[in-house]
């Protein structure tokens, strides 16, 4: 076998493998999934987070809002790892 014939044989084998892999991949994509994906787990809602979001929407007016000041103090205490009773 000369080099030219070996190169042709290699090319034919490569194309055959590529076509087989493509056909298998296309056949798998057509199959419906066995089960629907599981819903994402939602962490329980945090009232502090909702309060902070409300304060964020208030903008500059939040600096004069007592609820926002209390929410910021609680958030700061959580971040620093302080107990609410120690902060007072």
N, C-alpha and C. Protein backbone atom coordinates (compact mmCIF):
# COMPACT_ATOMS: atom_id res chain seq x y z
N UNK A 1 0.84 -1.17 0.00
CA UNK A 1 0.00 0.00 0.00
C UNK A 1 0.89 1.23 0.00
N UNK A 2 0.60 2.13 -0.92
CA UNK A 2 1.37 3.36 -0.95
C UNK A 2 0.73 4.41 -0.05
N UNK A 3 1.41 5.51 0.15
CA UNK A 3 0.96 6.56 1.05
C UNK A 3 -0.35 7.21 0.63
N UNK A 4 -0.54 7.33 -0.69
CA UNK A 4 -1.75 7.97 -1.20
C UNK A 4 -2.99 7.14 -0.85
N UNK A 5 -2.88 5.85 -1.04
CA UNK A 5 -4.00 4.96 -0.75
C UNK A 5 -4.30 4.94 0.74
N UNK A 6 -3.27 4.95 1.57
CA UNK A 6 -3.44 4.96 3.01
C UNK A 6 -4.13 6.24 3.47
N UNK A 7 -3.79 7.37 2.86
CA UNK A 7 -4.42 8.65 3.19
C UNK A 7 -5.90 8.63 2.83
N UNK A 8 -6.23 8.07 1.67
CA UNK A 8 -7.63 7.98 1.25
C UNK A 8 -8.43 7.09 2.20
N UNK A 9 -7.84 5.97 2.57
CA UNK A 9 -8.51 5.06 3.49
C UNK A 9 -8.75 5.73 4.84
N UNK A 10 -7.75 6.47 5.32
CA UNK A 10 -7.91 7.21 6.58
C UNK A 10 -9.02 8.25 6.49
N UNK A 11 -9.10 8.96 5.36
CA UNK A 11 -10.14 9.97 5.17
C UNK A 11 -11.52 9.33 5.15
N UNK A 12 -11.66 8.19 4.47
CA UNK A 12 -12.95 7.51 4.41
C UNK A 12 -13.37 7.03 5.80
N UNK A 13 -12.45 6.48 6.57
CA UNK A 13 -12.76 6.02 7.92
C UNK A 13 -13.16 7.21 8.79
N UNK A 14 -12.45 8.32 8.66
CA UNK A 14 -12.77 9.51 9.45
C UNK A 14 -14.17 10.02 9.12
N UNK A 15 -14.51 10.10 7.84
CA UNK A 15 -15.84 10.58 7.43
C UNK A 15 -16.92 9.61 7.92
N UNK A 16 -16.65 8.32 7.85
CA UNK A 16 -17.64 7.35 8.31
C UNK A 16 -17.89 7.49 9.80
N UNK A 17 -16.84 7.67 10.58
CA UNK A 17 -16.99 7.84 12.03
C UNK A 17 -17.75 9.14 12.34
N UNK A 18 -17.41 10.22 11.61
CA UNK A 18 -18.08 11.50 11.83
C UNK A 18 -19.57 11.40 11.52
N UNK A 19 -19.93 10.72 10.44
CA UNK A 19 -21.34 10.56 10.09
C UNK A 19 -22.08 9.70 11.12
N UNK A 20 -21.44 8.67 11.61
CA UNK A 20 -22.06 7.82 12.62
C UNK A 20 -22.31 8.59 13.91
N UNK A 21 -21.32 9.34 14.36
CA UNK A 21 -21.47 10.13 15.58
C UNK A 21 -22.57 11.17 15.41
N UNK A 22 -22.64 11.81 14.26
CA UNK A 22 -23.69 12.82 13.99
C UNK A 22 -25.07 12.17 14.01
N UNK A 23 -25.20 11.01 13.38
CA UNK A 23 -26.50 10.33 13.35
C UNK A 23 -26.94 9.93 14.75
N UNK A 24 -26.03 9.44 15.56
CA UNK A 24 -26.36 9.05 16.94
C UNK A 24 -26.77 10.27 17.76
N UNK A 25 -26.06 11.36 17.60
CA UNK A 25 -26.37 12.58 18.34
C UNK A 25 -27.74 13.14 17.95
N UNK A 26 -28.05 13.12 16.67
CA UNK A 26 -29.35 13.62 16.22
C UNK A 26 -30.48 12.74 16.72
N UNK A 27 -30.24 11.44 16.78
CA UNK A 27 -31.27 10.51 17.26
C UNK A 27 -31.54 10.72 18.75
N UNK A 28 -30.52 11.01 19.52
CA UNK A 28 -30.71 11.23 20.96
C UNK A 28 -31.44 12.53 21.25
N UNK A 29 -31.24 13.55 20.45
CA UNK A 29 -31.90 14.84 20.69
C UNK A 29 -33.39 14.75 20.43
N UNK A 30 -33.83 13.84 19.57
CA UNK A 30 -35.24 13.72 19.26
C UNK A 30 -36.02 13.01 20.35
N UNK A 31 -35.35 12.25 21.21
CA UNK A 31 -36.03 11.54 22.27
C UNK A 31 -36.50 12.51 23.35
N UNK A 32 -37.74 12.37 23.81
CA UNK A 32 -38.19 13.24 24.92
C UNK A 32 -37.48 12.84 26.21
N UNK A 33 -37.31 13.80 27.07
CA UNK A 33 -36.64 13.50 28.34
C UNK A 33 -37.53 12.58 29.18
N UNK A 34 -36.91 11.73 29.97
CA UNK A 34 -37.64 10.74 30.75
C UNK A 34 -38.51 11.38 31.82
N UNK A 35 -38.00 12.42 32.47
CA UNK A 35 -38.78 13.07 33.52
C UNK A 35 -38.55 14.58 33.42
N UNK A 36 -39.54 15.36 33.80
CA UNK A 36 -39.36 16.81 33.76
C UNK A 36 -38.32 17.24 34.78
N UNK A 37 -37.62 18.32 34.51
CA UNK A 37 -36.60 18.77 35.46
C UNK A 37 -37.23 19.15 36.79
N UNK A 38 -36.50 18.89 37.84
CA UNK A 38 -36.99 19.20 39.19
C UNK A 38 -37.03 20.71 39.38
N UNK A 39 -38.03 21.23 40.06
CA UNK A 39 -38.08 22.68 40.30
C UNK A 39 -36.92 23.11 41.19
N UNK A 40 -36.45 24.29 40.94
CA UNK A 40 -35.34 24.82 41.74
C UNK A 40 -35.83 25.05 43.17
N UNK A 41 -34.99 24.72 44.11
CA UNK A 41 -35.35 24.93 45.51
C UNK A 41 -35.27 26.41 45.84
N UNK A 42 -36.33 26.93 46.38
CA UNK A 42 -36.39 28.33 46.75
C UNK A 42 -36.14 28.44 48.25
N UNK A 43 -35.18 29.26 48.65
CA UNK A 43 -34.98 29.43 50.08
C UNK A 43 -36.18 30.15 50.69
N UNK A 44 -36.43 29.95 51.96
CA UNK A 44 -37.56 30.64 52.59
C UNK A 44 -37.37 32.15 52.50
N UNK A 45 -38.47 32.86 52.34
CA UNK A 45 -38.38 34.30 52.20
C UNK A 45 -37.94 34.93 53.52
N UNK A 46 -37.09 35.91 53.41
CA UNK A 46 -36.55 36.60 54.57
C UNK A 46 -37.22 37.97 54.65
N UNK A 47 -37.95 38.25 55.74
CA UNK A 47 -38.62 39.55 55.84
C UNK A 47 -37.63 40.71 55.84
N UNK A 48 -36.43 40.51 56.37
CA UNK A 48 -35.43 41.57 56.36
C UNK A 48 -35.03 41.91 54.94
N UNK A 49 -34.88 40.89 54.11
CA UNK A 49 -34.51 41.12 52.72
C UNK A 49 -35.59 41.94 52.00
N UNK A 50 -36.84 41.59 52.24
CA UNK A 50 -37.94 42.34 51.62
C UNK A 50 -37.95 43.79 52.10
N UNK A 51 -37.68 43.99 53.37
CA UNK A 51 -37.64 45.34 53.93
C UNK A 51 -36.50 46.14 53.31
N UNK A 52 -35.35 45.49 53.14
CA UNK A 52 -34.21 46.19 52.53
C UNK A 52 -34.48 46.53 51.06
N UNK A 53 -35.19 45.65 50.37
CA UNK A 53 -35.57 45.95 48.97
C UNK A 53 -36.50 47.16 48.92
N UNK A 54 -37.44 47.23 49.88
CA UNK A 54 -38.36 48.37 49.92
C UNK A 54 -37.58 49.66 50.16
N UNK A 55 -36.61 49.59 51.06
CA UNK A 55 -35.80 50.77 51.35
C UNK A 55 -34.97 51.18 50.13
N UNK A 56 -34.51 50.19 49.40
CA UNK A 56 -33.74 50.49 48.20
C UNK A 56 -34.61 51.22 47.18
N UNK A 57 -35.87 50.80 47.06
CA UNK A 57 -36.78 51.47 46.12
C UNK A 57 -37.12 52.89 46.58
N UNK A 58 -37.11 53.13 47.89
CA UNK A 58 -37.42 54.47 48.39
C UNK A 58 -36.36 55.48 48.01
N UNK A 59 -35.14 55.02 47.88
CA UNK A 59 -34.05 55.91 47.50
C UNK A 59 -33.63 56.78 48.67
N UNK A 60 -33.48 58.08 48.41
CA UNK A 60 -32.99 59.01 49.42
C UNK A 60 -33.96 59.17 50.58
N UNK A 61 -35.24 58.98 50.33
CA UNK A 61 -36.25 59.13 51.38
C UNK A 61 -36.08 58.07 52.47
N UNK A 62 -35.39 56.99 52.17
CA UNK A 62 -35.21 55.92 53.15
C UNK A 62 -34.36 56.36 54.33
N UNK A 63 -33.54 57.38 54.15
CA UNK A 63 -32.69 57.86 55.24
C UNK A 63 -33.52 58.45 56.38
N UNK A 64 -34.76 58.85 56.09
CA UNK A 64 -35.62 59.42 57.12
C UNK A 64 -36.72 58.46 57.57
N UNK A 65 -36.72 57.25 57.04
CA UNK A 65 -37.75 56.27 57.36
C UNK A 65 -37.30 55.40 58.54
N UNK A 66 -38.12 55.33 59.57
CA UNK A 66 -37.75 54.58 60.78
C UNK A 66 -37.63 53.08 60.50
N UNK A 67 -38.51 52.55 59.66
CA UNK A 67 -38.44 51.12 59.33
C UNK A 67 -37.14 50.79 58.61
N UNK A 68 -36.71 51.67 57.72
CA UNK A 68 -35.46 51.43 56.99
C UNK A 68 -34.26 51.52 57.93
N UNK A 69 -34.29 52.47 58.84
CA UNK A 69 -33.18 52.57 59.79
C UNK A 69 -33.07 51.32 60.65
N UNK A 70 -34.23 50.78 61.06
CA UNK A 70 -34.24 49.55 61.85
C UNK A 70 -33.76 48.36 61.02
N UNK A 71 -34.18 48.30 59.76
CA UNK A 71 -33.75 47.21 58.88
C UNK A 71 -32.25 47.26 58.64
N UNK A 72 -31.71 48.45 58.45
CA UNK A 72 -30.26 48.59 58.23
C UNK A 72 -29.49 48.18 59.49
N UNK A 73 -30.03 48.54 60.65
CA UNK A 73 -29.36 48.16 61.90
C UNK A 73 -29.35 46.64 62.08
N UNK A 74 -30.47 46.01 61.75
CA UNK A 74 -30.54 44.55 61.87
C UNK A 74 -29.61 43.88 60.85
N UNK A 75 -29.57 44.42 59.65
CA UNK A 75 -28.68 43.87 58.63
C UNK A 75 -27.21 44.02 59.05
N UNK A 76 -26.88 45.15 59.59
CA UNK A 76 -25.51 45.39 60.06
C UNK A 76 -25.15 44.41 61.18
N UNK A 77 -26.10 44.20 62.11
CA UNK A 77 -25.85 43.26 63.21
C UNK A 77 -25.67 41.83 62.70
N UNK A 78 -26.48 41.44 61.72
CA UNK A 78 -26.32 40.11 61.13
C UNK A 78 -24.95 39.97 60.47
N UNK A 79 -24.56 40.99 59.73
CA UNK A 79 -23.28 40.94 59.02
C UNK A 79 -22.11 40.84 60.00
N UNK A 80 -22.18 41.60 61.07
CA UNK A 80 -21.09 41.61 62.04
C UNK A 80 -21.18 40.44 63.01
N UNK A 81 -22.28 39.69 62.97
CA UNK A 81 -22.42 38.52 63.84
C UNK A 81 -22.77 38.88 65.27
N UNK A 82 -23.34 40.05 65.45
CA UNK A 82 -23.73 40.47 66.80
C UNK A 82 -25.15 40.03 67.09
N UNK A 83 -25.40 39.75 68.36
CA UNK A 83 -26.75 39.42 68.81
C UNK A 83 -27.49 40.74 69.02
N UNK A 84 -28.77 40.77 68.71
CA UNK A 84 -29.55 42.01 68.84
C UNK A 84 -29.55 42.51 70.29
N UNK A 85 -29.55 41.62 71.26
CA UNK A 85 -29.57 42.04 72.66
C UNK A 85 -28.23 42.64 73.07
N UNK A 86 -27.11 42.20 72.45
CA UNK A 86 -25.80 42.77 72.75
C UNK A 86 -25.64 44.17 72.19
N UNK A 87 -26.30 44.44 71.07
CA UNK A 87 -26.13 45.73 70.41
C UNK A 87 -26.74 46.86 71.21
N UNK A 88 -27.66 46.56 72.09
CA UNK A 88 -28.33 47.63 72.84
C UNK A 88 -27.68 47.84 74.12
